[in-house]
Amino acid sequence: MANTTPVDIRDIPYTDAAGTERTLAEFGDSTLLIVNVASKCGLTPQYEQLEQLQKTYGERGLQVIGFPCNQFMGQEPGSMDEILEYCSVTYGVTFPVAEKIRVNGSHAAPLYKALKKAKNVEGAKGPVMWNFEKFLVSASGAVHRFRPQTKPDAPEVIAAIEASLPVR
């Protein structure tokens, strides 16, 4: 179930791994798969599937973006350099990984405050449940939300990606 958020999330600033403020608008009409990631989580192997999605669909307009988060049992404790090295060496990650953020609570990143308004397929919205929650954002602003246990290559995620890809 897709929802359109009242604020265009592509205009909400975030900080990349190098400390530069950016917006998702820089990705043009690409479909975005935004994921809060962690290096020491039981779901960390999802990095491999996320990278495969980037390779498979990148040329067709998908952009995966990882947002490291240490809010869930301290499972992303490293510095940005350590996180980037781990992602690159362990999983061959080529998609952008942004600066470490908070996804829940009063200090949550503005991007995640907007994303959490989207409902998942069960109609639930609200706080991010755990590492590797996925938000698929189409060029029109429609948001599909997938809980952490839903693997990036699950049929429902693939179907949503394929339906959201821009016509090129």
C-alpha atoms as a PDB file:
ATOM      1  CA  MET A   1       0.000   0.000   0.000  1.00  0.00           C
ATOM      2  CA  ALA A   2       1.538   3.286  -1.062  1.00  0.00           C
ATOM      3  CA  ASN A   3       1.004   6.636   0.583  1.00  0.00           C
ATOM      4  CA  THR A   4       1.998  10.053  -0.581  1.00  0.00           C
ATOM      5  CA  THR A   5       3.650  12.011   2.182  1.00  0.00           C
ATOM      6  CA  PRO A   6       2.531  15.629   2.632  1.00  0.00           C
ATOM      7  CA  VAL A   7       6.103  16.926   2.429  1.00  0.00           C
ATOM      8  CA  ASP A   8       8.154  16.146  -0.663  1.00  0.00           C
ATOM      9  CA  ILE A   9      10.776  13.980   0.983  1.00  0.00           C
ATOM     10  CA  ARG A  10      13.136  14.580  -1.909  1.00  0.00           C
ATOM     11  CA  ASP A  11      13.556  18.157  -0.640  1.00  0.00           C
ATOM     12  CA  ILE A  12      14.433  17.205   2.956  1.00  0.00           C
ATOM     13  CA  PRO A  13      18.145  17.660   3.621  1.00  0.00           C
ATOM     14  CA  TYR A  14      20.369  14.879   4.878  1.00  0.00           C
ATOM     15  CA  THR A  15      24.128  14.630   5.335  1.00  0.00           C
ATOM     16  CA  ASP A  16      26.238  12.256   3.271  1.00  0.00           C
ATOM     17  CA  ALA A  17      29.161  10.219   4.624  1.00  0.00           C
ATOM     18  CA  ALA A  18      31.604  13.026   3.752  1.00  0.00           C
ATOM     19  CA  GLY A  19      29.646  15.533   5.846  1.00  0.00           C
ATOM     20  CA  THR A  20      28.064  17.381   2.892  1.00  0.00           C
ATOM     21  CA  GLU A  21      24.421  18.409   3.131  1.00  0.00           C
ATOM     22  CA  ARG A  22      22.372  17.018   0.246  1.00  0.00           C
ATOM     23  CA  THR A  23      18.780  16.262  -0.733  1.00  0.00           C
ATOM     24  CA  LEU A  24      17.289  13.258  -2.441  1.00  0.00           C
ATOM     25  CA  ALA A  25      16.260  15.574  -5.283  1.00  0.00           C
ATOM     26  CA  GLU A  26      19.843  15.126  -6.535  1.00  0.00           C
ATOM     27  CA  PHE A  27      18.805  11.650  -7.684  1.00  0.00           C
ATOM     28  CA  GLY A  28      16.302  13.134 -10.161  1.00  0.00           C
ATOM     29  CA  ASP A  29      13.395  10.864 -11.062  1.00  0.00           C
ATOM     30  CA  SER A  30      15.076   7.734  -9.725  1.00  0.00           C
ATOM     31  CA  THR A  31      13.124   5.379  -7.519  1.00  0.00           C
ATOM     32  CA  LEU A  32      14.823   5.412  -4.114  1.00  0.00           C
ATOM     33  CA  LEU A  33      15.220   2.500  -1.722  1.00  0.00           C
ATOM     34  CA  ILE A  34      16.080   4.067   1.628  1.00  0.00           C
ATOM     35  CA  VAL A  35      17.260   1.658   4.326  1.00  0.00           C
ATOM     36  CA  ASN A  36      18.511   2.172   7.885  1.00  0.00           C
ATOM     37  CA  VAL A  37      21.516  -0.127   8.090  1.00  0.00           C
ATOM     38  CA  ALA A  38      23.790  -1.600  10.757  1.00  0.00           C
ATOM     39  CA  SER A  39      26.989  -3.635  10.592  1.00  0.00           C
ATOM     40  CA  LYS A  40      26.526  -5.851  13.634  1.00  0.00           C
ATOM     41  CA  CYS A  41      22.929  -6.993  13.199  1.00  0.00           C
ATOM     42  CA  GLY A  42      21.517 -10.409  12.375  1.00  0.00           C
ATOM     43  CA  LEU A  43      19.983  -8.744   9.295  1.00  0.00           C
ATOM     44  CA  THR A  44      23.312  -7.285   8.103  1.00  0.00           C
ATOM     45  CA  PRO A  45      23.579  -9.884   5.286  1.00  0.00           C
ATOM     46  CA  GLN A  46      20.761  -7.894   3.620  1.00  0.00           C
ATOM     47  CA  TYR A  47      23.563  -5.597   2.427  1.00  0.00           C
ATOM     48  CA  GLU A  48      24.345  -8.254  -0.184  1.00  0.00           C
ATOM     49  CA  GLN A  49      20.779  -8.227  -1.504  1.00  0.00           C
ATOM     50  CA  LEU A  50      20.649  -4.419  -1.455  1.00  0.00           C
ATOM     51  CA  GLU A  51      23.837  -4.285  -3.527  1.00  0.00           C
ATOM     52  CA  GLN A  52      22.398  -6.824  -5.958  1.00  0.00           C
ATOM     53  CA  LEU A  53      19.261  -4.684  -6.357  1.00  0.00           C
ATOM     54  CA  GLN A  54      21.475  -1.684  -7.089  1.00  0.00           C
ATOM     55  CA  LYS A  55      23.364  -3.645  -9.752  1.00  0.00           C
ATOM     56  CA  THR A  56      20.230  -5.153 -11.286  1.00  0.00           C
ATOM     57  CA  TYR A  57      18.026  -2.054 -11.349  1.00  0.00           C
ATOM     58  CA  GLY A  58      20.452   0.880 -11.117  1.00  0.00           C
ATOM     59  CA  GLU A  59      20.574   1.512 -14.859  1.00  0.00           C
ATOM     60  CA  ARG A  60      16.776   1.399 -14.944  1.00  0.00           C
ATOM     61  CA  GLY A  61      16.476   4.113 -12.297  1.00  0.00           C
ATOM     62  CA  LEU A  62      16.749   2.541  -8.833  1.00  0.00           C
ATOM     63  CA  GLN A  63      19.007   4.156  -6.264  1.00  0.00           C
ATOM     64  CA  VAL A  64      19.650   2.370  -2.951  1.00  0.00           C
ATOM     65  CA  ILE A  65      20.786   4.624  -0.094  1.00  0.00           C
ATOM     66  CA  GLY A  66      21.923   3.330   3.298  1.00  0.00           C
ATOM     67  CA  PHE A  67      21.515   5.335   6.488  1.00  0.00           C
ATOM     68  CA  PRO A  68      23.592   3.831   9.315  1.00  0.00           C
ATOM     69  CA  CYS A  69      21.817   3.887  12.667  1.00  0.00           C
ATOM     70  CA  ASN A  70      23.045   2.855  16.114  1.00  0.00           C
ATOM     71  CA  GLN A  71      19.665   3.061  17.895  1.00  0.00           C
ATOM     72  CA  PHE A  72      18.932  -0.663  17.989  1.00  0.00           C
ATOM     73  CA  MET A  73      21.068  -2.383  20.641  1.00  0.00           C
ATOM     74  CA  GLY A  74      24.170  -0.437  19.543  1.00  0.00           C
ATOM     75  CA  GLN A  75      24.550  -2.501  16.362  1.00  0.00           C
ATOM     76  CA  GLU A  76      26.255   0.298  14.369  1.00  0.00           C
ATOM     77  CA  PRO A  77      28.926   1.542  16.804  1.00  0.00           C
ATOM     78  CA  GLY A  78      31.706   2.363  14.343  1.00  0.00           C
ATOM     79  CA  SER A  79      32.940   5.633  12.918  1.00  0.00           C
ATOM     80  CA  MET A  80      31.907   6.586   9.390  1.00  0.00           C
ATOM     81  CA  ASP A  81      35.285   5.425   8.069  1.00  0.00           C
ATOM     82  CA  GLU A  82      34.835   2.045   9.767  1.00  0.00           C
ATOM     83  CA  ILE A  83      31.266   1.708   8.476  1.00  0.00           C
ATOM     84  CA  LEU A  84      32.239   2.565   4.896  1.00  0.00           C
ATOM     85  CA  GLU A  85      35.208   0.198   4.942  1.00  0.00           C
ATOM     86  CA  TYR A  86      33.084  -2.623   6.364  1.00  0.00           C
ATOM     87  CA  CYS A  87      30.360  -2.130   3.727  1.00  0.00           C
ATOM     88  CA  SER A  88      32.871  -2.005   0.894  1.00  0.00           C
ATOM     89  CA  VAL A  89      35.152  -4.850   1.980  1.00  0.00           C
ATOM     90  CA  THR A  90      32.545  -7.242   3.374  1.00  0.00           C
ATOM     91  CA  TYR A  91      29.653  -6.728   0.952  1.00  0.00           C
ATOM     92  CA  GLY A  92      31.126  -4.792  -1.981  1.00  0.00           C
ATOM     93  CA  VAL A  93      28.655  -1.972  -1.419  1.00  0.00           C
ATOM     94  CA  THR A  94      28.742   0.626  -4.190  1.00  0.00           C
ATOM     95  CA  PHE A  95      25.534   2.485  -3.345  1.00  0.00           C
ATOM     96  CA  PRO A  96      25.781   5.648  -1.227  1.00  0.00           C
ATOM     97  CA  VAL A  97      25.910   5.307   2.539  1.00  0.00           C
ATOM     98  CA  ALA A  98      24.970   8.516   4.345  1.00  0.00           C
ATOM     99  CA  GLU A  99      26.068   9.879   7.704  1.00  0.00           C
ATOM    100  CA  LYS A 100      24.964   7.930  10.785  1.00  0.00           C
ATOM    101  CA  ILE A 101      21.536   9.114  11.948  1.00  0.00           C
ATOM    102  CA  ARG A 102      18.771   8.534  14.454  1.00  0.00           C
ATOM    103  CA  VAL A 103      15.542   7.161  12.971  1.00  0.00           C
ATOM    104  CA  ASN A 104      13.274   7.284  16.030  1.00  0.00           C
ATOM    105  CA  GLY A 105      12.624   9.647  18.914  1.00  0.00           C
ATOM    106  CA  SER A 106      12.711  13.408  19.236  1.00  0.00           C
ATOM    107  CA  HIS A 107      16.146  13.613  17.588  1.00  0.00           C
ATOM    108  CA  ALA A 108      15.203  11.507  14.556  1.00  0.00           C
ATOM    109  CA  ALA A 109      16.512  12.773  11.234  1.00  0.00           C
ATOM    110  CA  PRO A 110      13.926  14.924   9.403  1.00  0.00           C
ATOM    111  CA  LEU A 111      13.952  12.490   6.480  1.00  0.00           C
ATOM    112  CA  TYR A 112      12.921   9.646   8.757  1.00  0.00           C
ATOM    113  CA  LYS A 113      10.293  11.764  10.508  1.00  0.00           C
ATOM    114  CA  ALA A 114       8.645  12.105   7.086  1.00  0.00           C
ATOM    115  CA  LEU A 115       9.196   8.496   6.010  1.00  0.00           C
ATOM    116  CA  LYS A 116       7.622   7.078   9.180  1.00  0.00           C
ATOM    117  CA  LYS A 117       4.267   8.571   8.153  1.00  0.00           C
ATOM    118  CA  ALA A 118       4.041   5.903   5.441  1.00  0.00           C
ATOM    119  CA  LYS A 119       2.102   2.728   6.218  1.00  0.00           C
ATOM    120  CA  ASN A 120       3.353  -0.762   5.515  1.00  0.00           C
ATOM    121  CA  VAL A 121       1.261  -3.448   3.791  1.00  0.00           C
ATOM    122  CA  GLU A 122      -0.537  -4.202   7.063  1.00  0.00           C
ATOM    123  CA  GLY A 123      -1.509  -0.535   7.390  1.00  0.00           C
ATOM    124  CA  ALA A 124       0.885   0.153  10.278  1.00  0.00           C
ATOM    125  CA  LYS A 125       2.922   3.350  10.415  1.00  0.00           C
ATOM    126  CA  GLY A 126       5.047   4.916  13.115  1.00  0.00           C
ATOM    127  CA  PRO A 127       8.474   4.133  14.518  1.00  0.00           C
ATOM    128  CA  VAL A 128      11.079   2.158  12.642  1.00  0.00           C
ATOM    129  CA  MET A 129      10.987  -1.312  14.179  1.00  0.00           C
ATOM    130  CA  TRP A 130      14.628  -2.353  13.736  1.00  0.00           C
ATOM    131  CA  ASN A 131      17.635  -2.156  11.430  1.00  0.00           C
ATOM    132  CA  PHE A 132      17.006  -2.683   7.714  1.00  0.00           C
ATOM    133  CA  GLU A 133      13.500  -1.220   7.501  1.00  0.00           C
ATOM    134  CA  LYS A 134      13.007  -0.300   3.845  1.00  0.00           C
ATOM    135  CA  PHE A 135      11.236   2.679   2.267  1.00  0.00           C
ATOM    136  CA  LEU A 136      10.749   2.645  -1.495  1.00  0.00           C
ATOM    137  CA  VAL A 137      10.058   6.154  -2.804  1.00  0.00           C
ATOM    138  CA  SER A 138       8.833   6.708  -6.354  1.00  0.00           C
ATOM    139  CA  ALA A 139       9.472   9.883  -8.349  1.00  0.00           C
ATOM    140  CA  SER A 140       5.869  10.925  -7.612  1.00  0.00           C
ATOM    141  CA  GLY A 141       6.489  10.655  -3.863  1.00  0.00           C
ATOM    142  CA  ALA A 142       4.562   7.429  -3.268  1.00  0.00           C
ATOM    143  CA  VAL A 143       6.157   5.485  -0.424  1.00  0.00           C
ATOM    144  CA  HIS A 144       6.084   1.705   0.052  1.00  0.00           C
ATOM    145  CA  ARG A 145       7.267   0.541   3.445  1.00  0.00           C
ATOM    146  CA  PHE A 146       8.731  -2.878   4.194  1.00  0.00           C
ATOM    147  CA  ARG A 147       9.587  -4.084   7.694  1.00  0.00           C
ATOM    148  CA  PRO A 148      13.118  -5.277   8.529  1.00  0.00           C
ATOM    149  CA  GLN A 149      12.404  -9.004   8.191  1.00  0.00           C
ATOM    150  CA  THR A 150      11.229  -8.514   4.592  1.00  0.00           C
ATOM    151  CA  LYS A 151      14.304  -9.287   2.522  1.00  0.00           C
ATOM    152  CA  PRO A 152      15.295  -6.758  -0.148  1.00  0.00           C
ATOM    153  CA  ASP A 153      14.786  -9.383  -2.856  1.00  0.00           C
ATOM    154  CA  ALA A 154      11.380 -10.566  -1.597  1.00  0.00           C
ATOM    155  CA  PRO A 155       8.763 -10.818  -4.370  1.00  0.00           C
ATOM    156  CA  GLU A 156       6.704  -7.950  -2.936  1.00  0.00           C
ATOM    157  CA  VAL A 157       9.750  -5.648  -2.859  1.00  0.00           C
ATOM    158  CA  ILE A 158      10.752  -6.589  -6.412  1.00  0.00           C
ATOM    159  CA  ALA A 159       7.183  -5.996  -7.632  1.00  0.00           C
ATOM    160  CA  ALA A 160       7.078  -2.570  -5.963  1.00  0.00           C
ATOM    161  CA  ILE A 161      10.478  -1.642  -7.438  1.00  0.00           C
ATOM    162  CA  GLU A 162       9.479  -2.683 -10.933  1.00  0.00           C
ATOM    163  CA  ALA A 163       6.175  -0.781 -10.679  1.00  0.00           C
ATOM    164  CA  SER A 164       7.964   2.350  -9.411  1.00  0.00           C
ATOM    165  CA  LEU A 165      10.861   2.558 -11.857  1.00  0.00           C
ATOM    166  CA  PRO A 166      10.824   5.650 -14.047  1.00  0.00           C
ATOM    167  CA  VAL A 167      10.080   5.281 -17.729  1.00  0.00           C
ATOM    168  CA  ARG A 168      13.343   5.960 -19.559  1.00  0.00           C
END
